[in-house]
Amino acid sequence: MSMINTRMGRYSLKARDAGNHIRGTIAINDEGGTPLTMQEFDEHYLDDVINNVIYPVTGGNRELTRLLRDQMVKAGFEQPH
């Protein structure tokens, strides 16, 4: 089972593979690391998490979105072919 718990800048991402979907949270934190806002998600595919959750929450920051996607892939999350 794939899992990730990572922080990049003011963003933190926690997710796990729950069988046929990916469940988790993404948060925007203050400078001290306390969540200012948190969004839960439950998506079927890695690309859905990226496009429907991470990209909008980061304000369309493509570089940060790509880095978080890379971290998810390294943690074992895969997009079915």
C-alpha atoms as a PDB file:
ATOM      1  CA  MET A   1       0.000   0.000   0.000  1.00  0.00           C
ATOM      2  CA  SER A   2       1.415   3.384  -1.043  1.00  0.00           C
ATOM      3  CA  MET A   3       1.570   6.217   1.483  1.00  0.00           C
ATOM      4  CA  ILE A   4       2.968   9.730   1.514  1.00  0.00           C
ATOM      5  CA  ASN A   5       3.371  12.341   4.235  1.00  0.00           C
ATOM      6  CA  THR A   6       5.390  15.245   2.876  1.00  0.00           C
ATOM      7  CA  ARG A   7       5.757  18.981   3.201  1.00  0.00           C
ATOM      8  CA  MET A   8       6.930  21.452   0.550  1.00  0.00           C
ATOM      9  CA  GLY A   9       7.103  25.058   1.577  1.00  0.00           C
ATOM     10  CA  ARG A  10       3.753  25.984   3.079  1.00  0.00           C
ATOM     11  CA  TYR A  11       1.979  22.901   1.690  1.00  0.00           C
ATOM     12  CA  SER A  12       1.659  19.505   3.314  1.00  0.00           C
ATOM     13  CA  LEU A  13       0.277  16.405   1.619  1.00  0.00           C
ATOM     14  CA  LYS A  14      -0.803  13.181   3.282  1.00  0.00           C
ATOM     15  CA  ALA A  15      -2.283  10.371   1.199  1.00  0.00           C
ATOM     16  CA  ARG A  16      -2.648   6.619   1.084  1.00  0.00           C
ATOM     17  CA  ASP A  17      -3.732   4.104  -1.495  1.00  0.00           C
ATOM     18  CA  ALA A  18      -7.067   2.719  -0.280  1.00  0.00           C
ATOM     19  CA  GLY A  19      -7.413  -0.033  -2.870  1.00  0.00           C
ATOM     20  CA  ASN A  20      -9.156   1.412  -5.895  1.00  0.00           C
ATOM     21  CA  HIS A  21      -8.791   5.061  -4.846  1.00  0.00           C
ATOM     22  CA  ILE A  22      -6.447   7.531  -3.174  1.00  0.00           C
ATOM     23  CA  ARG A  23      -7.536   9.199   0.071  1.00  0.00           C
ATOM     24  CA  GLY A  24      -5.794  12.033   1.813  1.00  0.00           C
ATOM     25  CA  THR A  25      -5.507  15.668   2.762  1.00  0.00           C
ATOM     26  CA  ILE A  26      -3.641  18.677   1.477  1.00  0.00           C
ATOM     27  CA  ALA A  27      -3.092  21.686   3.712  1.00  0.00           C
ATOM     28  CA  ILE A  28      -1.759  25.200   3.424  1.00  0.00           C
ATOM     29  CA  ASN A  29       0.217  25.989   6.573  1.00  0.00           C
ATOM     30  CA  ASP A  30       1.372  29.163   8.262  1.00  0.00           C
ATOM     31  CA  GLU A  31       5.073  29.809   8.795  1.00  0.00           C
ATOM     32  CA  GLY A  32       4.993  27.744  11.994  1.00  0.00           C
ATOM     33  CA  GLY A  33       3.506  24.714  10.268  1.00  0.00           C
ATOM     34  CA  THR A  34      -0.030  25.080  11.635  1.00  0.00           C
ATOM     35  CA  PRO A  35      -2.676  24.351   8.969  1.00  0.00           C
ATOM     36  CA  LEU A  36      -4.540  27.462   7.835  1.00  0.00           C
ATOM     37  CA  THR A  37      -6.782  25.445   5.543  1.00  0.00           C
ATOM     38  CA  MET A  38      -7.100  21.746   4.831  1.00  0.00           C
ATOM     39  CA  GLN A  39      -8.900  19.881   2.085  1.00  0.00           C
ATOM     40  CA  GLU A  40      -9.727  16.177   2.178  1.00  0.00           C
ATOM     41  CA  PHE A  41      -9.854  14.224  -1.052  1.00  0.00           C
ATOM     42  CA  ASP A  42     -10.885  10.805  -2.319  1.00  0.00           C
ATOM     43  CA  GLU A  43      -9.932  10.288  -5.968  1.00  0.00           C
ATOM     44  CA  HIS A  44      -9.582   7.185  -8.122  1.00  0.00           C
ATOM     45  CA  TYR A  45      -6.384   8.027 -10.006  1.00  0.00           C
ATOM     46  CA  LEU A  46      -3.098   9.832  -9.415  1.00  0.00           C
ATOM     47  CA  ASP A  47      -3.802  12.286 -12.249  1.00  0.00           C
ATOM     48  CA  ASP A  48      -7.166  13.123 -10.653  1.00  0.00           C
ATOM     49  CA  VAL A  49      -5.412  13.982  -7.387  1.00  0.00           C
ATOM     50  CA  ILE A  50      -2.958  16.157  -9.311  1.00  0.00           C
ATOM     51  CA  ASN A  51      -5.495  17.925 -11.560  1.00  0.00           C
ATOM     52  CA  ASN A  52      -8.505  18.180  -9.224  1.00  0.00           C
ATOM     53  CA  VAL A  53      -6.793  18.722  -5.874  1.00  0.00           C
ATOM     54  CA  ILE A  54      -3.118  19.687  -5.836  1.00  0.00           C
ATOM     55  CA  TYR A  55      -3.045  22.035  -8.839  1.00  0.00           C
ATOM     56  CA  PRO A  56      -6.039  24.149  -7.700  1.00  0.00           C
ATOM     57  CA  VAL A  57      -4.948  24.243  -4.038  1.00  0.00           C
ATOM     58  CA  THR A  58      -1.475  25.479  -5.011  1.00  0.00           C
ATOM     59  CA  GLY A  59      -3.046  28.275  -7.040  1.00  0.00           C
ATOM     60  CA  GLY A  60      -1.989  26.758 -10.340  1.00  0.00           C
ATOM     61  CA  ASN A  61       1.685  26.498  -9.396  1.00  0.00           C
ATOM     62  CA  ARG A  62       2.906  24.019 -12.032  1.00  0.00           C
ATOM     63  CA  GLU A  63       6.382  23.579 -10.557  1.00  0.00           C
ATOM     64  CA  LEU A  64       5.073  22.775  -7.077  1.00  0.00           C
ATOM     65  CA  THR A  65       2.400  20.496  -8.550  1.00  0.00           C
ATOM     66  CA  ARG A  66       5.058  18.631 -10.563  1.00  0.00           C
ATOM     67  CA  LEU A  67       7.287  18.265  -7.491  1.00  0.00           C
ATOM     68  CA  LEU A  68       4.419  16.880  -5.394  1.00  0.00           C
ATOM     69  CA  ARG A  69       3.466  14.483  -8.220  1.00  0.00           C
ATOM     70  CA  ASP A  70       7.093  13.293  -8.395  1.00  0.00           C
ATOM     71  CA  GLN A  71       7.041  12.665  -4.636  1.00  0.00           C
ATOM     72  CA  MET A  72       3.809  10.655  -4.958  1.00  0.00           C
ATOM     73  CA  VAL A  73       5.315   8.545  -7.754  1.00  0.00           C
ATOM     74  CA  LYS A  74       8.444   7.916  -5.635  1.00  0.00           C
ATOM     75  CA  ALA A  75       6.126   6.819  -2.790  1.00  0.00           C
ATOM     76  CA  GLY A  76       4.586   4.185  -5.081  1.00  0.00           C
ATOM     77  CA  PHE A  77       1.465   5.872  -6.417  1.00  0.00           C
ATOM     78  CA  GLU A  78       0.898   4.973 -10.067  1.00  0.00           C
ATOM     79  CA  GLN A  79      -1.395   6.113 -12.852  1.00  0.00           C
ATOM     80  CA  PRO A  80      -2.989   3.073 -14.552  1.00  0.00           C
ATOM     81  CA  HIS A  81      -2.216   2.829 -18.265  1.00  0.00           C
END
